[in-house]
Amino acid sequence: MTCRTKLAGQAESFDLTLITCALLATPYQLSMGNSNDHLPVLLVMAAFSRYASAIDWASDRAAIEWGPIAMSSSSFSFVETDYYEPTMGSGLLKKFFAFERLIDPATLPALKHQSNAWESEYSLNSSHDEPRPLNLDPGYLTNAKLVLASTKDHAHRIYLSQGIYAEVTLHYHHRRWQAREWTYPDYRRPDYHEFFNQCRKHLRDRS
């Protein structure tokens, strides 16, 4: 029996039924979205210490393991909190590095473990008195967000693997970087955002 035969004497439902028959008569099907690999992202690292020599050591080590550094920020004075002073001392500086080689974001847990190992190596081999003379925070940047890796769980963090979580620290909206309620105080700074703007432009030029 054809659709037109079924519709005889049922003019009031003609439109809806005709549409249904048309869908059934064609190869059109409703389906789930297709999964795709993520586009490569820009690897970034924050190096944090009271010693400029420690930050230089970290950038040299990272360049050996992760490839050439595409750009680096100025050294920013870290004044937003004294949380780190018991383990890192006072007069802290933070510097960002962005790397030339784009990465798969799925490698972030391995990169975090690698940078943690560098922290331990530097602490053991340096002559500094602080328990943690160097703090390294790898992450990645896309056109839409800055993601940092963490070993600590929280309500706003997503588990990745190997004991590592991801946090969207900043998102790009209305042509500027914007913070979330959980964003670290220093990552709200305009001078940080200016460097991330440069990183974003570098990534867009590579795409």
C-alpha atoms as a PDB file:
ATOM      1  CA  MET A   1       0.000   0.000   0.000  1.00  0.00           C
ATOM      2  CA  THR A   2       1.372   3.407  -0.938  1.00  0.00           C
ATOM      3  CA  CYS A   3       1.411   6.505   1.222  1.00  0.00           C
ATOM      4  CA  ARG A   4      -1.178   8.136  -1.063  1.00  0.00           C
ATOM      5  CA  THR A   5      -3.523   5.171  -0.591  1.00  0.00           C
ATOM      6  CA  LYS A   6      -3.188   5.458   3.165  1.00  0.00           C
ATOM      7  CA  LEU A   7      -4.010   9.120   2.987  1.00  0.00           C
ATOM      8  CA  ALA A   8      -7.300   8.670   1.129  1.00  0.00           C
ATOM      9  CA  GLY A   9     -10.121  10.228   3.121  1.00  0.00           C
ATOM     10  CA  GLN A  10      -7.697  11.661   5.695  1.00  0.00           C
ATOM     11  CA  ALA A  11      -7.032  15.115   4.311  1.00  0.00           C
ATOM     12  CA  GLU A  12      -6.767  16.660   7.771  1.00  0.00           C
ATOM     13  CA  SER A  13      -3.580  14.669   8.499  1.00  0.00           C
ATOM     14  CA  PHE A  14      -2.214  14.828   4.966  1.00  0.00           C
ATOM     15  CA  ASP A  15       0.686  17.215   5.594  1.00  0.00           C
ATOM     16  CA  LEU A  16       2.093  15.444   8.639  1.00  0.00           C
ATOM     17  CA  THR A  17       1.728  11.965   7.212  1.00  0.00           C
ATOM     18  CA  LEU A  18       3.221  12.953   3.876  1.00  0.00           C
ATOM     19  CA  ILE A  19       6.286  14.296   5.634  1.00  0.00           C
ATOM     20  CA  THR A  20       6.621  11.051   7.607  1.00  0.00           C
ATOM     21  CA  CYS A  21       6.300   8.955   4.446  1.00  0.00           C
ATOM     22  CA  ALA A  22       8.853  11.105   2.663  1.00  0.00           C
ATOM     23  CA  LEU A  23      11.368  10.569   5.452  1.00  0.00           C
ATOM     24  CA  LEU A  24      10.792   6.813   5.422  1.00  0.00           C
ATOM     25  CA  ALA A  25      11.154   6.680   1.634  1.00  0.00           C
ATOM     26  CA  THR A  26      14.581   8.373   1.609  1.00  0.00           C
ATOM     27  CA  PRO A  27      17.973   7.305   3.004  1.00  0.00           C
ATOM     28  CA  TYR A  28      17.847  10.208   5.510  1.00  0.00           C
ATOM     29  CA  GLN A  29      18.347   9.025   9.070  1.00  0.00           C
ATOM     30  CA  LEU A  30      18.699  10.766  12.379  1.00  0.00           C
ATOM     31  CA  SER A  31      22.074   9.851  13.870  1.00  0.00           C
ATOM     32  CA  MET A  32      24.493  10.674  16.659  1.00  0.00           C
ATOM     33  CA  GLY A  33      27.242  13.212  16.102  1.00  0.00           C
ATOM     34  CA  ASN A  34      30.530  11.885  14.776  1.00  0.00           C
ATOM     35  CA  SER A  35      33.595  12.047  16.995  1.00  0.00           C
ATOM     36  CA  ASN A  36      36.708  13.701  15.621  1.00  0.00           C
ATOM     37  CA  ASP A  37      40.269  14.103  16.751  1.00  0.00           C
ATOM     38  CA  HIS A  38      41.011  17.416  18.452  1.00  0.00           C
ATOM     39  CA  LEU A  39      42.981  19.956  16.474  1.00  0.00           C
ATOM     40  CA  PRO A  40      46.571  20.408  17.694  1.00  0.00           C
ATOM     41  CA  VAL A  41      46.925  22.957  20.491  1.00  0.00           C
ATOM     42  CA  LEU A  42      49.609  25.346  21.696  1.00  0.00           C
ATOM     43  CA  LEU A  43      51.676  23.985  24.582  1.00  0.00           C
ATOM     44  CA  VAL A  44      52.397  26.573  27.269  1.00  0.00           C
ATOM     45  CA  MET A  45      54.226  26.394  30.574  1.00  0.00           C
ATOM     46  CA  ALA A  46      54.387  28.742  33.558  1.00  0.00           C
ATOM     47  CA  ALA A  47      57.675  28.718  35.471  1.00  0.00           C
ATOM     48  CA  PHE A  48      57.476  30.136  38.961  1.00  0.00           C
ATOM     49  CA  SER A  49      60.343  30.851  41.368  1.00  0.00           C
ATOM     50  CA  ARG A  50      62.140  33.531  43.369  1.00  0.00           C
ATOM     51  CA  TYR A  51      65.279  32.631  41.408  1.00  0.00           C
ATOM     52  CA  ALA A  52      65.684  33.805  37.815  1.00  0.00           C
ATOM     53  CA  SER A  53      68.293  31.083  37.372  1.00  0.00           C
ATOM     54  CA  ALA A  54      65.681  28.426  38.225  1.00  0.00           C
ATOM     55  CA  ILE A  55      63.303  29.775  35.589  1.00  0.00           C
ATOM     56  CA  ASP A  56      66.137  29.797  33.041  1.00  0.00           C
ATOM     57  CA  TRP A  57      66.979  26.199  33.952  1.00  0.00           C
ATOM     58  CA  ALA A  58      63.348  25.183  33.431  1.00  0.00           C
ATOM     59  CA  SER A  59      63.079  26.862  30.034  1.00  0.00           C
ATOM     60  CA  ASP A  60      66.318  25.215  28.865  1.00  0.00           C
ATOM     61  CA  ARG A  61      65.164  21.801  30.067  1.00  0.00           C
ATOM     62  CA  ALA A  62      61.747  22.188  28.465  1.00  0.00           C
ATOM     63  CA  ALA A  63      63.270  23.272  25.150  1.00  0.00           C
ATOM     64  CA  ILE A  64      65.390  20.119  25.094  1.00  0.00           C
ATOM     65  CA  GLU A  65      62.420  17.835  25.776  1.00  0.00           C
ATOM     66  CA  TRP A  66      59.517  19.701  24.158  1.00  0.00           C
ATOM     67  CA  GLY A  67      61.218  21.530  21.343  1.00  0.00           C
ATOM     68  CA  PRO A  68      61.992  25.172  20.550  1.00  0.00           C
ATOM     69  CA  ILE A  69      60.271  27.960  22.467  1.00  0.00           C
ATOM     70  CA  ALA A  70      58.195  30.112  20.127  1.00  0.00           C
ATOM     71  CA  MET A  71      57.716  32.988  22.556  1.00  0.00           C
ATOM     72  CA  SER A  72      58.229  33.894  26.185  1.00  0.00           C
ATOM     73  CA  SER A  73      56.690  36.524  28.427  1.00  0.00           C
ATOM     74  CA  SER A  74      58.293  39.076  30.655  1.00  0.00           C
ATOM     75  CA  SER A  75      58.953  38.056  34.241  1.00  0.00           C
ATOM     76  CA  PHE A  76      55.875  38.989  36.263  1.00  0.00           C
ATOM     77  CA  SER A  77      56.068  39.780  39.972  1.00  0.00           C
ATOM     78  CA  PHE A  78      53.754  37.437  41.848  1.00  0.00           C
ATOM     79  CA  VAL A  79      51.980  39.560  44.458  1.00  0.00           C
ATOM     80  CA  GLU A  80      48.413  38.226  44.553  1.00  0.00           C
ATOM     81  CA  THR A  81      48.857  35.831  47.472  1.00  0.00           C
ATOM     82  CA  ASP A  82      51.432  34.653  50.015  1.00  0.00           C
ATOM     83  CA  TYR A  83      50.179  31.061  49.807  1.00  0.00           C
ATOM     84  CA  TYR A  84      53.443  29.772  48.311  1.00  0.00           C
ATOM     85  CA  GLU A  85      55.874  31.610  50.584  1.00  0.00           C
ATOM     86  CA  PRO A  86      56.313  28.793  53.175  1.00  0.00           C
ATOM     87  CA  THR A  87      57.633  26.416  50.499  1.00  0.00           C
ATOM     88  CA  MET A  88      58.974  28.795  47.839  1.00  0.00           C
ATOM     89  CA  GLY A  89      60.029  31.939  49.687  1.00  0.00           C
ATOM     90  CA  SER A  90      59.168  35.572  48.955  1.00  0.00           C
ATOM     91  CA  GLY A  91      59.796  37.806  45.955  1.00  0.00           C
ATOM     92  CA  LEU A  92      58.373  35.262  43.530  1.00  0.00           C
ATOM     93  CA  LEU A  93      58.466  35.686  39.758  1.00  0.00           C
ATOM     94  CA  LYS A  94      56.406  33.949  37.087  1.00  0.00           C
ATOM     95  CA  LYS A  95      57.269  33.618  33.415  1.00  0.00           C
ATOM     96  CA  PHE A  96      55.340  31.949  30.592  1.00  0.00           C
ATOM     97  CA  PHE A  97      56.696  29.998  27.645  1.00  0.00           C
ATOM     98  CA  ALA A  98      54.876  28.882  24.501  1.00  0.00           C
ATOM     99  CA  PHE A  99      56.374  26.138  22.359  1.00  0.00           C
ATOM    100  CA  GLU A 100      56.729  25.925  18.613  1.00  0.00           C
ATOM    101  CA  ARG A 101      55.555  22.341  18.270  1.00  0.00           C
ATOM    102  CA  LEU A 102      51.786  21.968  18.541  1.00  0.00           C
ATOM    103  CA  ILE A 103      50.581  19.026  20.614  1.00  0.00           C
ATOM    104  CA  ASP A 104      47.699  16.627  21.032  1.00  0.00           C
ATOM    105  CA  PRO A 105      45.809  17.809  24.151  1.00  0.00           C
ATOM    106  CA  ALA A 106      45.491  14.183  25.268  1.00  0.00           C
ATOM    107  CA  THR A 107      49.213  14.243  26.125  1.00  0.00           C
ATOM    108  CA  LEU A 108      48.710  16.794  28.917  1.00  0.00           C
ATOM    109  CA  PRO A 109      48.865  14.243  31.794  1.00  0.00           C
ATOM    110  CA  ALA A 110      52.233  12.928  30.597  1.00  0.00           C
ATOM    111  CA  LEU A 111      53.560  16.478  30.253  1.00  0.00           C
ATOM    112  CA  LYS A 112      52.439  17.328  33.793  1.00  0.00           C
ATOM    113  CA  HIS A 113      54.242  14.291  35.201  1.00  0.00           C
ATOM    114  CA  GLN A 114      57.333  15.257  33.237  1.00  0.00           C
ATOM    115  CA  SER A 115      57.353  18.814  34.584  1.00  0.00           C
ATOM    116  CA  ASN A 116      56.806  17.488  38.127  1.00  0.00           C
ATOM    117  CA  ALA A 117      59.901  15.329  37.677  1.00  0.00           C
ATOM    118  CA  TRP A 118      61.865  18.401  36.603  1.00  0.00           C
ATOM    119  CA  GLU A 119      60.764  20.225  39.745  1.00  0.00           C
ATOM    120  CA  SER A 120      62.040  17.374  41.888  1.00  0.00           C
ATOM    121  CA  GLU A 121      65.293  17.165  39.943  1.00  0.00           C
ATOM    122  CA  TYR A 122      65.977  20.853  40.365  1.00  0.00           C
ATOM    123  CA  SER A 123      65.145  20.783  44.072  1.00  0.00           C
ATOM    124  CA  LEU A 124      67.532  17.877  44.683  1.00  0.00           C
ATOM    125  CA  ASN A 125      70.409  19.316  42.689  1.00  0.00           C
ATOM    126  CA  SER A 126      70.187  23.000  43.595  1.00  0.00           C
ATOM    127  CA  SER A 127      71.656  24.623  46.711  1.00  0.00           C
ATOM    128  CA  HIS A 128      68.517  26.597  47.576  1.00  0.00           C
ATOM    129  CA  ASP A 129      67.054  26.350  51.065  1.00  0.00           C
ATOM    130  CA  GLU A 130      63.384  26.382  50.008  1.00  0.00           C
ATOM    131  CA  PRO A 131      61.584  23.001  49.903  1.00  0.00           C
ATOM    132  CA  ARG A 132      60.165  23.898  46.489  1.00  0.00           C
ATOM    133  CA  PRO A 133      62.415  26.392  44.712  1.00  0.00           C
ATOM    134  CA  LEU A 134      60.723  25.833  41.342  1.00  0.00           C
ATOM    135  CA  ASN A 135      57.057  25.429  40.381  1.00  0.00           C
ATOM    136  CA  LEU A 136      56.092  24.412  36.840  1.00  0.00           C
ATOM    137  CA  ASP A 137      52.564  24.467  35.413  1.00  0.00           C
ATOM    138  CA  PRO A 138      52.090  23.098  31.893  1.00  0.00           C
ATOM    139  CA  GLY A 139      48.881  23.598  29.976  1.00  0.00           C
ATOM    140  CA  TYR A 140      47.618  24.400  26.519  1.00  0.00           C
ATOM    141  CA  LEU A 141      45.890  27.183  24.674  1.00  0.00           C
ATOM    142  CA  THR A 142      43.260  27.029  21.935  1.00  0.00           C
ATOM    143  CA  ASN A 143      41.391  29.816  20.196  1.00  0.00           C
ATOM    144  CA  ALA A 144      38.696  29.460  22.868  1.00  0.00           C
ATOM    145  CA  LYS A 145      40.409  28.662  26.173  1.00  0.00           C
ATOM    146  CA  LEU A 146      43.466  28.273  28.356  1.00  0.00           C
ATOM    147  CA  VAL A 147      43.656  24.884  30.070  1.00  0.00           C
ATOM    148  CA  LEU A 148      45.986  24.079  32.968  1.00  0.00           C
ATOM    149  CA  ALA A 149      46.876  20.674  34.401  1.00  0.00           C
ATOM    150  CA  SER A 150      46.581  19.884  38.097  1.00  0.00           C
ATOM    151  CA  THR A 151      47.121  16.945  40.425  1.00  0.00           C
ATOM    152  CA  LYS A 152      44.265  18.187  42.643  1.00  0.00           C
ATOM    153  CA  ASP A 153      40.592  17.389  42.108  1.00  0.00           C
ATOM    154  CA  HIS A 154      37.888  20.020  42.513  1.00  0.00           C
ATOM    155  CA  ALA A 155      34.282  20.574  41.484  1.00  0.00           C
ATOM    156  CA  HIS A 156      35.300  22.476  38.341  1.00  0.00           C
ATOM    157  CA  ARG A 157      38.086  20.122  37.234  1.00  0.00           C
ATOM    158  CA  ILE A 158      37.752  17.166  34.876  1.00  0.00           C
ATOM    159  CA  TYR A 159      39.753  13.985  35.374  1.00  0.00           C
ATOM    160  CA  LEU A 160      41.986  13.105  32.429  1.00  0.00           C
ATOM    161  CA  SER A 161      44.225  10.147  33.342  1.00  0.00           C
ATOM    162  CA  GLN A 162      47.309   9.207  35.384  1.00  0.00           C
ATOM    163  CA  GLY A 163      46.044  11.209  38.377  1.00  0.00           C
ATOM    164  CA  ILE A 164      45.875  14.471  36.407  1.00  0.00           C
ATOM    165  CA  TYR A 165      42.933  16.861  36.090  1.00  0.00           C
ATOM    166  CA  ALA A 166      42.222  19.663  33.619  1.00  0.00           C
ATOM    167  CA  GLU A 167      40.925  23.123  34.434  1.00  0.00           C
ATOM    168  CA  VAL A 168      39.658  25.739  31.982  1.00  0.00           C
ATOM    169  CA  THR A 169      41.329  28.673  33.690  1.00  0.00           C
ATOM    170  CA  LEU A 170      40.385  31.325  31.109  1.00  0.00           C
ATOM    171  CA  HIS A 171      37.986  31.426  28.174  1.00  0.00           C
ATOM    172  CA  TYR A 172      38.041  33.743  25.175  1.00  0.00           C
ATOM    173  CA  HIS A 173      34.763  35.606  24.659  1.00  0.00           C
ATOM    174  CA  HIS A 174      33.843  38.950  23.117  1.00  0.00           C
ATOM    175  CA  ARG A 175      37.398  39.362  21.838  1.00  0.00           C
ATOM    176  CA  ARG A 176      39.075  39.124  25.204  1.00  0.00           C
ATOM    177  CA  TRP A 177      40.179  36.626  27.831  1.00  0.00           C
ATOM    178  CA  GLN A 178      37.696  36.217  30.633  1.00  0.00           C
ATOM    179  CA  ALA A 179      37.975  34.586  34.051  1.00  0.00           C
ATOM    180  CA  ARG A 180      35.742  32.063  35.753  1.00  0.00           C
ATOM    181  CA  GLU A 181      34.801  32.144  39.414  1.00  0.00           C
ATOM    182  CA  TRP A 182      37.608  29.681  40.151  1.00  0.00           C
ATOM    183  CA  THR A 183      40.320  31.414  38.110  1.00  0.00           C
ATOM    184  CA  TYR A 184      43.519  32.060  40.077  1.00  0.00           C
ATOM    185  CA  PRO A 185      43.874  35.746  41.005  1.00  0.00           C
ATOM    186  CA  ASP A 186      47.058  36.285  39.004  1.00  0.00           C
ATOM    187  CA  TYR A 187      45.508  34.786  35.849  1.00  0.00           C
ATOM    188  CA  ARG A 188      42.976  37.620  35.899  1.00  0.00           C
ATOM    189  CA  ARG A 189      45.748  40.151  35.198  1.00  0.00           C
ATOM    190  CA  PRO A 190      45.686  42.162  31.959  1.00  0.00           C
ATOM    191  CA  ASP A 191      49.443  41.716  31.453  1.00  0.00           C
ATOM    192  CA  TYR A 192      48.991  37.927  31.480  1.00  0.00           C
ATOM    193  CA  HIS A 193      46.117  38.286  29.026  1.00  0.00           C
ATOM    194  CA  GLU A 194      48.242  40.348  26.683  1.00  0.00           C
ATOM    195  CA  PHE A 195      50.766  37.526  26.461  1.00  0.00           C
ATOM    196  CA  PHE A 196      47.977  34.997  25.898  1.00  0.00           C
ATOM    197  CA  ASN A 197      46.685  37.237  23.099  1.00  0.00           C
ATOM    198  CA  GLN A 198      50.086  36.912  21.445  1.00  0.00           C
ATOM    199  CA  CYS A 199      49.949  33.152  21.921  1.00  0.00           C
ATOM    200  CA  ARG A 200      46.465  32.991  20.421  1.00  0.00           C
ATOM    201  CA  LYS A 201      47.571  34.994  17.378  1.00  0.00           C
ATOM    202  CA  HIS A 202      50.568  32.696  16.961  1.00  0.00           C
ATOM    203  CA  LEU A 203      48.276  29.671  17.036  1.00  0.00           C
ATOM    204  CA  ARG A 204      45.833  31.205  14.550  1.00  0.00           C
ATOM    205  CA  ASP A 205      48.695  32.019  12.187  1.00  0.00           C
ATOM    206  CA  ARG A 206      49.746  28.372  12.363  1.00  0.00           C
ATOM    207  CA  SER A 207      46.274  27.034  11.574  1.00  0.00           C
END
